[in-house]
Amino acid sequence: MNIGDTFPNFTANTTIGEIDFYSWLGSSWGVLFSHPADFTPVCTTELSRLLTLIPEFAKRNVKIIALSCDSVSTHEKWIDDIKHFGGFSGDFPYPIIDDDRRELAVKLNMLDKDEIGKHGLPVTCRAVFVVDAQKKLRLSILYPATTGRNFTEILRVIDSMQLTDKNKVATPADWTQGSECMILPTISDDEAQKLFPAGFSTVSLPSGKGYIRKTKCPDVD
């Protein structure tokens, strides 16, 4: 899949029962995280971390769903470890997909050929797929199985995409929510003055080209 492609729908058995992905997503954005196996150290740290970040994803209208190459019955036992490691009590707040047969991992091209599981089969890499409310793939990151994800970065990119969907700006390197943005090069200075009443500054460059124009981060609310 390429960025902007329609993300394929699927049905799957999960820890909350069988779901149709599109129906489950509804009008929300979604993030699908794949995991090599249950009862593994890095995966447990990741899913525990997500427990603390659910409010951050929720306020961005983003639903979370995980996938692991084991059965729902195994997931349900693993959830106790995940909650304990994260110091979390209460109902588990997001579903985990049963992909024991690796059908979805194959469909979405998530297998890591260099990492072989206990049954002699390839395990999934740590895929991240961000899907918007129109069911379009907006972000794809593939981490190797041995490297845990940076969830702060995933939230940062979601912030950027949701901001730039609504405003004619782009976000520079290492941007964080509230920091200055860049005006799109397709916008003329005259149009920029109308779009950004707070003003903008143009960076002086050796080329003499005024293509780096910085402006206050627009209020998306």
Protein backbone atom coordinates (compact mmCIF):
# COMPACT_ATOMS: atom_id res chain seq x y z
CA MET A 1 0.00 0.00 0.00
CA ASN A 2 1.00 3.56 -0.68
CA ILE A 3 0.12 6.64 1.33
CA GLY A 4 -3.33 7.78 0.22
CA ASP A 5 -4.51 4.32 -0.83
CA THR A 6 -7.76 3.02 0.59
CA PHE A 7 -6.90 0.77 3.50
CA PRO A 8 -8.39 -2.71 2.91
CA ASN A 9 -11.33 -3.72 5.03
CA PHE A 10 -11.17 -7.01 6.93
CA THR A 11 -13.07 -9.08 9.43
CA ALA A 12 -11.21 -10.60 12.36
CA ASN A 13 -11.74 -12.34 15.65
CA THR A 14 -10.54 -10.14 18.52
CA THR A 15 -10.62 -9.90 22.28
CA ILE A 16 -13.93 -8.01 21.95
CA GLY A 17 -15.42 -10.52 19.49
CA GLU A 18 -15.55 -10.55 15.72
CA ILE A 19 -15.25 -7.13 14.11
CA ASP A 20 -15.57 -5.61 10.67
CA PHE A 21 -12.72 -3.09 10.60
CA TYR A 22 -14.62 -0.35 8.76
CA SER A 23 -17.66 -0.68 11.02
CA TRP A 24 -15.49 -0.73 14.14
CA LEU A 25 -13.63 2.38 12.95
CA GLY A 26 -16.79 4.32 12.13
CA SER A 27 -16.02 8.02 11.67
CA SER A 28 -12.80 7.87 13.71
CA TRP A 29 -9.19 7.64 12.70
CA GLY A 30 -7.51 4.37 13.61
CA VAL A 31 -4.06 3.00 14.36
CA LEU A 32 -3.30 -0.67 13.83
CA PHE A 33 -0.20 -1.93 15.65
CA SER A 34 1.15 -5.42 14.89
CA HIS A 35 3.12 -7.49 17.40
CA PRO A 36 5.31 -10.57 16.84
CA ALA A 37 3.88 -12.71 19.64
CA ASP A 38 2.16 -12.78 23.01
CA PHE A 39 4.19 -13.03 26.22
CA THR A 40 7.21 -11.30 24.69
CA PRO A 41 9.06 -8.48 26.47
CA VAL A 42 9.05 -5.62 23.96
CA CYS A 43 5.42 -6.20 22.95
CA THR A 44 4.35 -6.17 26.59
CA THR A 45 6.07 -2.81 27.18
CA GLU A 46 4.39 -1.37 24.08
CA LEU A 47 0.87 -2.48 24.88
CA SER A 48 1.30 -1.37 28.49
CA ARG A 49 2.42 2.06 27.27
CA LEU A 50 -0.69 2.30 25.12
CA LEU A 51 -2.84 1.88 28.22
CA THR A 52 -1.56 5.24 29.50
CA LEU A 53 -1.91 6.91 26.10
CA ILE A 54 -5.53 5.98 25.32
CA PRO A 55 -6.78 9.43 26.46
CA GLU A 56 -4.26 11.11 24.13
CA PHE A 57 -5.44 9.09 21.15
CA ALA A 58 -9.09 9.55 22.12
CA LYS A 59 -8.89 13.35 22.19
CA ARG A 60 -7.57 13.17 18.62
CA ASN A 61 -10.54 10.95 17.63
CA VAL A 62 -8.24 7.97 17.10
CA LYS A 63 -9.11 4.37 17.92
CA ILE A 64 -6.42 1.81 18.76
CA ILE A 65 -6.31 -1.82 17.68
CA ALA A 66 -3.44 -4.29 18.10
CA LEU A 67 -2.60 -7.53 16.29
CA SER A 68 -0.50 -10.45 17.48
CA CYS A 69 0.21 -13.81 15.86
CA ASP A 70 -1.53 -15.78 18.59
CA SER A 71 -5.09 -16.74 19.47
CA VAL A 72 -7.67 -14.75 21.42
CA SER A 73 -7.48 -17.26 24.27
CA THR A 74 -3.76 -16.55 24.57
CA HIS A 75 -4.32 -12.80 24.24
CA GLU A 76 -6.75 -12.87 27.16
CA LYS A 77 -4.12 -14.46 29.42
CA TRP A 78 -1.46 -12.06 28.18
CA ILE A 79 -3.66 -9.05 28.98
CA ASP A 80 -3.21 -9.77 32.70
CA ASP A 81 0.55 -9.34 32.29
CA ILE A 82 0.13 -6.19 30.19
CA LYS A 83 -2.12 -4.57 32.79
CA HIS A 84 0.14 -5.63 35.67
CA PHE A 85 3.29 -4.31 33.98
CA GLY A 86 1.58 -0.99 33.28
CA GLY A 87 0.03 -0.72 36.73
CA PHE A 88 -3.40 -0.56 35.10
CA SER A 89 -6.71 -1.68 36.58
CA GLY A 90 -10.10 -1.84 34.94
CA ASP A 91 -11.36 -3.08 31.61
CA PHE A 92 -8.80 -3.45 28.85
CA PRO A 93 -9.52 -0.45 26.59
CA TYR A 94 -8.68 -1.67 23.09
CA PRO A 95 -9.02 -4.92 21.09
CA ILE A 96 -6.25 -7.33 20.13
CA ILE A 97 -6.70 -9.22 16.87
CA ASP A 98 -6.29 -13.00 16.64
CA ASP A 99 -3.91 -13.64 13.73
CA ASP A 100 -2.74 -17.11 14.72
CA ARG A 101 -2.83 -18.17 11.06
CA ARG A 102 -1.00 -15.01 9.93
CA GLU A 103 -3.67 -14.34 7.33
CA LEU A 104 -3.92 -10.63 8.07
CA ALA A 105 -0.16 -10.31 8.50
CA VAL A 106 0.28 -11.70 4.97
CA LYS A 107 -2.53 -9.57 3.54
CA LEU A 108 -1.01 -6.39 4.96
CA ASN A 109 2.61 -7.43 4.26
CA MET A 110 3.70 -7.27 7.89
CA LEU A 111 5.92 -10.36 8.20
CA ASP A 112 9.56 -9.97 9.21
CA LYS A 113 11.40 -12.68 7.26
CA ASP A 114 14.50 -12.37 9.46
CA GLU A 115 12.64 -13.10 12.70
CA ILE A 116 11.38 -16.68 13.15
CA GLY A 117 8.99 -17.59 15.96
CA LYS A 118 8.85 -20.66 18.16
CA HIS A 119 6.84 -22.61 15.57
CA GLY A 120 9.40 -21.97 12.82
CA LEU A 121 7.24 -19.33 11.11
CA PRO A 122 8.11 -15.69 10.42
CA VAL A 123 6.70 -13.27 12.97
CA THR A 124 5.29 -9.86 12.23
CA CYS A 125 7.45 -6.80 12.24
CA ARG A 126 6.20 -3.89 14.34
CA ALA A 127 3.95 -2.29 11.75
CA VAL A 128 2.11 0.95 12.37
CA PHE A 129 -0.76 1.85 10.05
CA VAL A 130 -2.61 5.11 10.59
CA VAL A 131 -5.95 5.24 8.79
CA ASP A 132 -8.09 8.37 8.60
CA ALA A 133 -11.87 8.67 8.82
CA GLN A 134 -12.15 8.25 5.04
CA LYS A 135 -10.37 4.87 5.37
CA LYS A 136 -7.23 6.19 3.64
CA LEU A 137 -3.76 5.06 4.70
CA ARG A 138 -2.04 8.17 6.03
CA LEU A 139 1.09 6.76 7.69
CA SER A 140 3.00 3.51 7.50
CA ILE A 141 6.01 2.70 9.69
CA LEU A 142 7.70 -0.70 9.84
CA TYR A 143 9.94 -1.27 12.84
CA PRO A 144 12.00 -4.46 13.11
CA ALA A 145 10.70 -6.98 15.63
CA THR A 146 13.58 -6.22 18.02
CA THR A 147 12.89 -2.47 18.25
CA GLY A 148 10.05 -0.97 20.28
CA ARG A 149 8.04 1.91 18.88
CA ASN A 150 8.21 5.59 19.78
CA PHE A 151 4.56 6.43 20.55
CA THR A 152 5.35 10.10 21.12
CA GLU A 153 6.42 10.28 17.48
CA ILE A 154 3.24 8.54 16.30
CA LEU A 155 1.10 11.06 18.18
CA ARG A 156 3.24 13.90 16.81
CA VAL A 157 2.65 12.79 13.23
CA ILE A 158 -1.09 12.42 13.83
CA ASP A 159 -1.11 15.99 15.19
CA SER A 160 0.69 17.17 12.07
CA MET A 161 -1.62 15.35 9.65
CA GLN A 162 -4.79 16.56 11.35
CA LEU A 163 -3.46 20.12 11.46
CA THR A 164 -2.34 20.19 7.82
CA ASP A 165 -5.61 18.64 6.64
CA LYS A 166 -7.39 21.77 7.83
CA ASN A 167 -4.80 24.45 7.11
CA LYS A 168 -2.52 25.28 4.19
CA VAL A 169 0.64 24.64 6.14
CA ALA A 170 3.31 22.00 6.51
CA THR A 171 5.24 21.12 9.66
CA PRO A 172 9.06 21.34 9.77
CA ALA A 173 11.60 18.92 11.19
CA ASP A 174 11.03 18.03 14.85
CA TRP A 175 7.78 20.04 14.92
CA THR A 176 5.52 19.64 17.93
CA GLN A 177 1.96 20.83 18.50
CA GLY A 178 1.86 24.61 18.88
CA SER A 179 5.23 25.28 17.24
CA GLU A 180 5.65 27.43 14.14
CA CYS A 181 4.55 25.97 10.81
CA MET A 182 5.61 26.48 7.21
CA ILE A 183 3.32 28.05 4.63
CA LEU A 184 2.88 25.80 1.60
CA PRO A 185 5.01 26.87 -1.40
CA THR A 186 1.90 26.78 -3.61
CA ILE A 187 0.46 29.73 -1.64
CA SER A 188 1.41 33.21 -2.91
CA ASP A 189 2.46 35.94 -0.51
CA ASP A 190 -0.76 37.83 -1.22
CA GLU A 191 -2.86 34.77 -0.44
CA ALA A 192 -0.74 34.05 2.64
CA GLN A 193 -1.49 37.52 4.02
CA LYS A 194 -5.20 36.76 3.81
CA LEU A 195 -4.93 33.21 5.17
CA PHE A 196 -2.60 34.06 8.05
CA PRO A 197 -3.70 37.38 9.58
CA ALA A 198 -1.19 36.94 12.39
CA GLY A 199 1.48 37.39 9.73
CA PHE A 200 4.47 35.37 8.60
CA SER A 201 8.21 35.75 8.25
CA THR A 202 10.36 34.83 5.27
CA VAL A 203 13.78 33.33 5.91
CA SER A 204 16.63 34.96 3.97
CA LEU A 205 18.57 32.32 2.01
CA PRO A 206 21.71 32.42 -0.21
CA SER A 207 19.57 31.46 -3.20
CA GLY A 208 17.45 34.55 -2.75
CA LYS A 209 14.35 32.40 -2.99
CA GLY A 210 11.73 33.11 -0.36
CA TYR A 211 10.30 29.63 -0.06
CA ILE A 212 10.72 29.21 3.69
CA ARG A 213 7.88 31.18 5.26
CA LYS A 214 7.12 30.63 8.92
CA THR A 215 3.86 31.40 10.65
CA LYS A 216 2.19 30.84 13.98
CA CYS A 217 0.62 27.40 14.37
CA PRO A 218 -3.03 27.76 13.27
CA ASP A 219 -5.74 27.11 15.81
CA VAL A 220 -7.43 23.92 14.57
CA ASP A 221 -10.32 24.27 17.03
